[in-house]
Amino acid sequence: MDDIPPSPNDQYAEALLRLGEGAFLRGGSVLALHGLADVNPRRIQVATRRRTRSKLPPFIDVTLVSDDVPVSDHEELRTQTVHDAITERRGRVEVSRLREAADHARTQGFLTAPEWTDLAEELAKELTA
């Protein structure tokens, strides 16, 4: 579409459109979209609540999830909650980087005070373990 200027979120939007209704970004893709961690996943991580049979480009990684997974919206894109995205990345991203992401998310309003406290306590346990 020539009349719509490109945006940094175009590939995220394309991934969600390809999977259709109910699809949402998850994991490292949520952190990257929100600018919360120095992550740049090679593949866009998308979750869906229904099976998909369509052929997808190699930059999309799909996970089937249950109906009770909470989602939110960021810049008109459906995403896993920031709290859950940070929690999901534990064990894959350094704890100190996740703590920085949580702190930044709190100052940006992406985490509530109780969510931030929960993450800070869990991440502190990992740092001392």
Protein backbone atom coordinates (compact mmCIF):
# COMPACT_ATOMS: atom_id res chain seq x y z
CA MET A 1 0.00 0.00 0.00
CA ASP A 2 1.64 3.16 -1.17
CA ASP A 3 -0.59 5.54 0.78
CA ILE A 4 0.44 4.19 4.21
CA PRO A 5 3.94 5.08 5.41
CA PRO A 6 6.05 2.16 6.64
CA SER A 7 6.48 1.66 10.36
CA PRO A 8 8.92 -0.33 12.51
CA ASN A 9 5.98 -2.54 13.53
CA ASP A 10 5.00 -3.64 10.02
CA GLN A 11 6.50 -7.12 10.30
CA TYR A 12 4.74 -7.69 13.64
CA ALA A 13 1.44 -6.60 12.10
CA GLU A 14 2.00 -8.86 9.10
CA ALA A 15 2.67 -11.85 11.34
CA LEU A 16 -0.55 -11.25 13.25
CA LEU A 17 -2.59 -10.73 10.09
CA ARG A 18 -1.27 -13.96 8.59
CA LEU A 19 -2.47 -15.93 11.62
CA GLY A 20 -5.80 -14.16 11.87
CA GLU A 21 -8.20 -13.43 14.67
CA GLY A 22 -7.02 -14.27 18.16
CA ALA A 23 -3.30 -14.26 17.32
CA PHE A 24 -0.96 -12.25 19.54
CA LEU A 25 2.76 -11.56 19.92
CA ARG A 26 4.59 -13.36 22.68
CA GLY A 27 7.94 -13.74 24.41
CA GLY A 28 10.91 -11.87 23.00
CA SER A 29 8.75 -10.26 20.33
CA VAL A 30 6.74 -8.50 23.06
CA LEU A 31 9.92 -7.23 24.72
CA ALA A 32 11.29 -6.03 21.37
CA LEU A 33 8.01 -4.33 20.41
CA HIS A 34 7.92 -2.45 23.72
CA GLY A 35 11.64 -1.61 23.52
CA LEU A 36 12.21 -3.24 26.91
CA ALA A 37 15.28 -5.34 26.36
CA ASP A 38 18.18 -5.54 24.02
CA VAL A 39 16.59 -8.41 22.13
CA ASN A 40 16.10 -8.79 18.42
CA PRO A 41 14.56 -12.19 17.82
CA ARG A 42 15.31 -13.69 14.41
CA ARG A 43 11.75 -14.92 14.27
CA ILE A 44 8.59 -13.17 15.37
CA GLN A 45 6.96 -15.21 18.11
CA VAL A 46 3.21 -15.41 17.72
CA ALA A 47 0.66 -17.36 19.76
CA THR A 48 -2.75 -18.45 18.57
CA ARG A 49 -5.64 -20.27 20.19
CA ARG A 50 -6.51 -22.27 17.10
CA ARG A 51 -4.62 -24.52 14.75
CA THR A 52 -3.35 -23.02 11.56
CA ARG A 53 -2.64 -24.86 8.37
CA SER A 54 -1.52 -21.95 6.28
CA LYS A 55 2.04 -21.85 4.98
CA LEU A 56 3.86 -19.17 6.90
CA PRO A 57 7.07 -17.36 6.06
CA PRO A 58 10.14 -18.56 7.95
CA PHE A 59 10.29 -15.40 10.10
CA ILE A 60 7.15 -16.42 12.03
CA ASP A 61 7.29 -18.88 14.94
CA VAL A 62 3.82 -20.07 16.02
CA THR A 63 2.77 -21.54 19.36
CA LEU A 64 -0.67 -22.95 20.11
CA VAL A 65 -1.95 -21.73 23.50
CA SER A 66 -5.03 -22.24 25.67
CA ASP A 67 -7.94 -19.83 25.78
CA ASP A 68 -7.10 -18.49 29.24
CA VAL A 69 -3.83 -16.73 28.32
CA PRO A 70 -4.20 -13.00 29.10
CA VAL A 71 -3.44 -10.54 26.31
CA SER A 72 -3.16 -6.79 25.98
CA ASP A 73 -2.76 -4.26 23.19
CA HIS A 74 0.23 -2.11 22.28
CA GLU A 75 0.12 0.29 19.36
CA GLU A 76 -2.92 -1.55 17.97
CA LEU A 77 -1.17 -4.93 18.09
CA ARG A 78 -2.34 -7.79 20.33
CA THR A 79 0.39 -9.01 22.68
CA GLN A 80 1.01 -11.28 25.59
CA THR A 81 1.12 -9.22 28.78
CA VAL A 82 4.53 -7.73 29.51
CA HIS A 83 4.60 -9.52 32.86
CA ASP A 84 4.09 -12.89 31.19
CA ALA A 85 6.56 -12.10 28.39
CA ILE A 86 9.31 -11.28 30.91
CA THR A 87 8.45 -14.40 32.92
CA GLU A 88 8.55 -16.54 29.78
CA ARG A 89 12.04 -15.30 28.88
CA ARG A 90 13.52 -16.45 32.21
CA GLY A 91 16.24 -18.98 31.51
CA ARG A 92 16.73 -17.62 27.99
CA VAL A 93 17.79 -14.05 28.78
CA GLU A 94 20.19 -12.98 31.51
CA VAL A 95 18.42 -12.23 34.78
CA SER A 96 20.03 -8.78 35.03
CA ARG A 97 18.68 -7.87 31.59
CA LEU A 98 15.21 -9.07 32.55
CA ARG A 99 15.38 -7.00 35.73
CA GLU A 100 16.28 -3.93 33.64
CA ALA A 101 13.39 -4.74 31.31
CA ALA A 102 11.01 -5.00 34.29
CA ASP A 103 12.23 -1.70 35.72
CA HIS A 104 11.84 0.03 32.37
CA ALA A 105 8.41 -1.53 31.87
CA ARG A 106 7.30 -0.19 35.26
CA THR A 107 8.46 3.36 34.50
CA GLN A 108 6.73 3.20 31.10
CA GLY A 109 3.47 1.99 32.65
CA PHE A 110 3.54 -1.50 31.10
CA LEU A 111 3.59 -3.17 34.54
CA THR A 112 1.48 -2.46 37.59
CA ALA A 113 3.20 -2.06 40.96
CA PRO A 114 2.18 -5.58 42.09
CA GLU A 115 3.37 -7.10 38.79
CA TRP A 116 6.71 -5.31 39.11
CA THR A 117 7.10 -6.42 42.73
CA ASP A 118 6.35 -10.01 41.76
CA LEU A 119 8.93 -9.96 38.96
CA ALA A 120 11.55 -8.20 41.08
CA GLU A 121 11.22 -10.80 43.84
CA GLU A 122 11.36 -13.76 41.43
CA LEU A 123 14.34 -12.36 39.55
CA ALA A 124 16.18 -11.55 42.79
CA LYS A 125 15.80 -15.21 43.84
CA GLU A 126 17.45 -16.27 40.60
CA LEU A 127 20.32 -13.84 41.07
CA THR A 128 21.10 -15.26 44.52
CA ALA A 129 20.60 -18.91 43.54
